Amino acid sequence: MKKMLHLTAVALFVALASMLAFGVNGNAYIDPSVTTYLIQAIAGIVIAVGAFLAVYWRKAKKKMQDKLGIDVDSNKEVESDEILIKKDEEK
């Protein structure tokens, strides 16, 4: 079974290498709309990777602060949740 898998992998590699080595160059016109689509796709990938990194950076930062015992909120002042309503005196 392993021998068959190995032979298949070698055959696929040889086929791919021969296609790349002996392929015919194609001349094609790239329309401006394709370029715009490509720019949008690259921008979307950059934004998605940035969001992914931001989320996991915050998680990693939080874990490190927990392990090191750093409390970011220790010096912050917190208002109470009490709501005081004064009734107007009737005249």
Protein backbone atom coordinates (compact mmCIF):
# COMPACT_ATOMS: atom_id res chain seq x y z
CA MET A 1 0.00 0.00 0.00
CA LYS A 2 2.80 2.41 0.90
CA LYS A 3 4.67 1.49 -2.25
CA MET A 4 1.62 2.28 -4.40
CA LEU A 5 1.15 5.62 -2.64
CA HIS A 6 4.80 6.46 -3.16
CA LEU A 7 4.64 5.57 -6.87
CA THR A 8 1.51 7.70 -7.30
CA ALA A 9 3.19 10.67 -5.62
CA VAL A 10 6.27 10.31 -7.84
CA ALA A 11 4.12 10.04 -10.96
CA LEU A 12 2.17 13.17 -10.03
CA PHE A 13 5.40 15.04 -9.34
CA VAL A 14 6.88 14.03 -12.69
CA ALA A 15 3.68 15.02 -14.51
CA LEU A 16 3.58 18.43 -12.79
CA ALA A 17 7.27 19.05 -13.43
CA SER A 18 6.93 18.17 -17.12
CA MET A 19 3.90 20.47 -17.51
CA LEU A 20 5.82 23.35 -15.96
CA ALA A 21 9.02 22.65 -17.90
CA PHE A 22 7.46 22.10 -21.33
CA GLY A 23 4.37 24.28 -21.10
CA VAL A 24 3.50 26.74 -23.85
CA ASN A 25 3.43 30.40 -22.94
CA GLY A 26 0.06 32.01 -23.47
CA ASN A 27 -0.47 35.64 -24.37
CA ALA A 28 -3.57 37.10 -22.83
CA TYR A 29 -5.10 40.52 -22.31
CA ILE A 30 -5.90 41.44 -18.71
CA ASP A 31 -9.00 43.61 -18.65
CA PRO A 32 -9.06 46.58 -16.20
CA SER A 33 -12.05 45.03 -14.45
CA VAL A 34 -9.93 41.95 -13.67
CA THR A 35 -7.27 44.22 -12.18
CA THR A 36 -9.87 45.94 -10.01
CA TYR A 37 -11.18 42.56 -8.87
CA LEU A 38 -7.63 41.47 -8.06
CA ILE A 39 -7.04 44.62 -5.98
CA GLN A 40 -10.29 44.00 -4.08
CA ALA A 41 -9.35 40.38 -3.42
CA ILE A 42 -5.91 41.34 -2.12
CA ALA A 43 -7.42 44.08 0.08
CA GLY A 44 -9.93 41.61 1.47
CA ILE A 45 -7.19 39.12 2.29
CA VAL A 46 -5.10 41.81 3.99
CA ILE A 47 -8.09 42.96 6.07
CA ALA A 48 -9.01 39.39 7.04
CA VAL A 49 -5.45 38.57 8.08
CA GLY A 50 -5.25 41.82 10.06
CA ALA A 51 -8.49 41.04 11.90
CA PHE A 52 -7.31 37.48 12.60
CA LEU A 53 -4.01 38.72 13.99
CA ALA A 54 -5.71 41.41 16.10
CA VAL A 55 -8.06 38.89 17.73
CA TYR A 56 -5.32 36.40 18.53
CA TRP A 57 -2.91 39.14 19.65
CA ARG A 58 -5.48 40.26 22.26
CA LYS A 59 -6.01 36.67 23.41
CA ALA A 60 -2.27 36.06 23.71
CA LYS A 61 -1.76 39.37 25.51
CA LYS A 62 -4.55 38.55 27.97
CA LYS A 63 -3.05 35.09 28.69
CA MET A 64 0.39 36.60 29.28
CA GLN A 65 -1.04 39.24 31.61
CA ASP A 66 -2.89 36.53 33.55
CA LYS A 67 0.26 34.38 33.85
CA LEU A 68 2.43 37.31 34.92
CA GLY A 69 -0.21 38.64 37.33
CA ILE A 70 -0.56 42.01 35.63
CA ASP A 71 -3.89 43.71 36.31
CA VAL A 72 -4.53 46.44 33.75
CA ASP A 73 -7.70 47.65 35.47
CA SER A 74 -6.16 48.05 38.94
CA ASN A 75 -5.72 51.85 38.76
CA LYS A 76 -8.98 52.67 37.01
CA GLU A 77 -11.80 54.46 38.79
CA VAL A 78 -15.16 52.80 38.42
CA GLU A 79 -18.45 54.60 38.88
CA SER A 80 -21.14 52.96 40.93
CA ASP A 81 -24.21 51.50 39.27
CA GLU A 82 -26.58 53.40 41.55
CA ILE A 83 -29.09 55.70 39.93
CA LEU A 84 -30.48 58.41 42.18
CA ILE A 85 -33.72 60.07 41.21
CA LYS A 86 -34.85 63.15 43.09
CA LYS A 87 -38.53 63.87 43.11
CA ASP A 88 -39.49 67.47 42.55
CA GLU A 89 -41.34 69.08 45.40
CA GLU A 90 -44.89 70.10 44.53
CA LYS A 91 -45.80 73.77 45.09
